[in-house]
Amino acid sequence: MSLIVVAECLAEPGQEDRLRTALEAMIEPSLEEPGCLAYRPYTDLNQPARMVIVEEWTGPRPSPNTSPPRTSTT
């Protein structure tokens, strides 16, 4: 079983290239982390200041006694 992490980053106006460069610089170090299967930054073509990072990690299977996280409906 793997864990998928999705993160969104929004660059300040005029800082889009700086954000993209920083996130791309994290690809190799992230892939060297134990358990990291994938690290993929994506740029939103319709909103260049928005980038989404998708990471995939190996992880232990949840215990059958573990209850799912609660979500707020408010």
C-alpha atoms as a PDB file:
ATOM      1  CA  MET A   1       0.000   0.000   0.000  1.00  0.00           C
ATOM      2  CA  SER A   2       1.304   3.461  -0.803  1.00  0.00           C
ATOM      3  CA  LEU A   3       0.529   6.925   0.484  1.00  0.00           C
ATOM      4  CA  ILE A   4      -0.244   9.683  -2.029  1.00  0.00           C
ATOM      5  CA  VAL A   5       0.393  13.262  -0.935  1.00  0.00           C
ATOM      6  CA  VAL A   6      -0.993  16.146  -2.994  1.00  0.00           C
ATOM      7  CA  ALA A   7       0.129  19.666  -2.149  1.00  0.00           C
ATOM      8  CA  GLU A   8      -0.768  22.970  -3.760  1.00  0.00           C
ATOM      9  CA  CYS A   9       1.549  25.975  -3.879  1.00  0.00           C
ATOM     10  CA  LEU A  10       0.644  29.449  -5.075  1.00  0.00           C
ATOM     11  CA  ALA A  11       3.422  31.794  -6.153  1.00  0.00           C
ATOM     12  CA  GLU A  12       3.324  35.487  -5.399  1.00  0.00           C
ATOM     13  CA  PRO A  13       2.901  37.596  -8.563  1.00  0.00           C
ATOM     14  CA  GLY A  14       6.156  37.597 -10.503  1.00  0.00           C
ATOM     15  CA  GLN A  15       7.602  34.679  -8.499  1.00  0.00           C
ATOM     16  CA  GLU A  16       6.281  31.818 -10.634  1.00  0.00           C
ATOM     17  CA  ASP A  17       9.694  30.859 -12.070  1.00  0.00           C
ATOM     18  CA  ARG A  18      11.292  30.989  -8.630  1.00  0.00           C
ATOM     19  CA  LEU A  19       8.670  28.621  -7.201  1.00  0.00           C
ATOM     20  CA  ARG A  20       8.948  26.246 -10.150  1.00  0.00           C
ATOM     21  CA  THR A  21      12.756  26.182  -9.835  1.00  0.00           C
ATOM     22  CA  ALA A  22      12.577  25.498  -6.086  1.00  0.00           C
ATOM     23  CA  LEU A  23      10.081  22.661  -6.514  1.00  0.00           C
ATOM     24  CA  GLU A  24      12.038  21.106  -9.379  1.00  0.00           C
ATOM     25  CA  ALA A  25      15.195  21.273  -7.241  1.00  0.00           C
ATOM     26  CA  MET A  26      13.398  19.065  -4.709  1.00  0.00           C
ATOM     27  CA  ILE A  27      12.832  16.190  -7.152  1.00  0.00           C
ATOM     28  CA  GLU A  28      16.184  14.446  -6.733  1.00  0.00           C
ATOM     29  CA  PRO A  29      16.519  14.917  -2.937  1.00  0.00           C
ATOM     30  CA  SER A  30      12.940  13.716  -2.467  1.00  0.00           C
ATOM     31  CA  LEU A  31      13.490  10.598  -4.565  1.00  0.00           C
ATOM     32  CA  GLU A  32      16.555   9.819  -2.440  1.00  0.00           C
ATOM     33  CA  GLU A  33      14.425   9.782   0.736  1.00  0.00           C
ATOM     34  CA  PRO A  34      13.687   6.266   2.003  1.00  0.00           C
ATOM     35  CA  GLY A  35      10.218   5.254   0.894  1.00  0.00           C
ATOM     36  CA  CYS A  36       9.750   7.975  -1.738  1.00  0.00           C
ATOM     37  CA  LEU A  37       8.448   6.381  -4.932  1.00  0.00           C
ATOM     38  CA  ALA A  38       7.580   9.554  -6.837  1.00  0.00           C
ATOM     39  CA  TYR A  39       7.770  13.343  -6.589  1.00  0.00           C
ATOM     40  CA  ARG A  40       6.106  15.202  -9.447  1.00  0.00           C
ATOM     41  CA  PRO A  41       5.553  18.972  -9.567  1.00  0.00           C
ATOM     42  CA  TYR A  42       2.974  20.179 -12.089  1.00  0.00           C
ATOM     43  CA  THR A  43       2.183  23.706 -13.280  1.00  0.00           C
ATOM     44  CA  ASP A  44      -1.459  24.647 -13.829  1.00  0.00           C
ATOM     45  CA  LEU A  45      -1.520  25.755 -17.480  1.00  0.00           C
ATOM     46  CA  ASN A  46      -4.556  27.950 -16.818  1.00  0.00           C
ATOM     47  CA  GLN A  47      -3.050  29.564 -13.705  1.00  0.00           C
ATOM     48  CA  PRO A  48       0.779  29.615 -13.933  1.00  0.00           C
ATOM     49  CA  ALA A  49       1.157  30.822 -10.323  1.00  0.00           C
ATOM     50  CA  ARG A  50      -0.420  27.539  -9.121  1.00  0.00           C
ATOM     51  CA  MET A  51       1.673  24.412  -8.845  1.00  0.00           C
ATOM     52  CA  VAL A  52       0.615  21.025  -7.575  1.00  0.00           C
ATOM     53  CA  ILE A  53       3.065  18.487  -6.197  1.00  0.00           C
ATOM     54  CA  VAL A  54       2.125  14.810  -6.198  1.00  0.00           C
ATOM     55  CA  GLU A  55       4.253  12.524  -4.055  1.00  0.00           C
ATOM     56  CA  GLU A  56       3.961   8.771  -3.612  1.00  0.00           C
ATOM     57  CA  TRP A  57       5.415   7.063  -0.561  1.00  0.00           C
ATOM     58  CA  THR A  58       5.571   3.505   0.637  1.00  0.00           C
ATOM     59  CA  GLY A  59       3.840   3.061   3.918  1.00  0.00           C
ATOM     60  CA  PRO A  60       2.682   0.467   6.339  1.00  0.00           C
ATOM     61  CA  ARG A  61      -0.802  -0.870   5.949  1.00  0.00           C
ATOM     62  CA  PRO A  62      -3.196   0.675   8.438  1.00  0.00           C
ATOM     63  CA  SER A  63      -4.011  -1.437  11.446  1.00  0.00           C
ATOM     64  CA  PRO A  64      -7.505  -2.986  11.347  1.00  0.00           C
ATOM     65  CA  ASN A  65      -8.071  -1.370  14.755  1.00  0.00           C
ATOM     66  CA  THR A  66      -7.335   2.113  13.429  1.00  0.00           C
ATOM     67  CA  SER A  67     -10.415   4.220  12.889  1.00  0.00           C
ATOM     68  CA  PRO A  68     -10.558   6.500   9.845  1.00  0.00           C
ATOM     69  CA  PRO A  69      -9.832  10.196  10.359  1.00  0.00           C
ATOM     70  CA  ARG A  70     -12.806  12.358  11.224  1.00  0.00           C
ATOM     71  CA  THR A  71     -13.814  15.131   8.879  1.00  0.00           C
ATOM     72  CA  SER A  72     -15.593  18.276   9.839  1.00  0.00           C
ATOM     73  CA  THR A  73     -18.868  19.081   8.116  1.00  0.00           C
ATOM     74  CA  THR A  74     -18.927  22.679   9.346  1.00  0.00           C
END
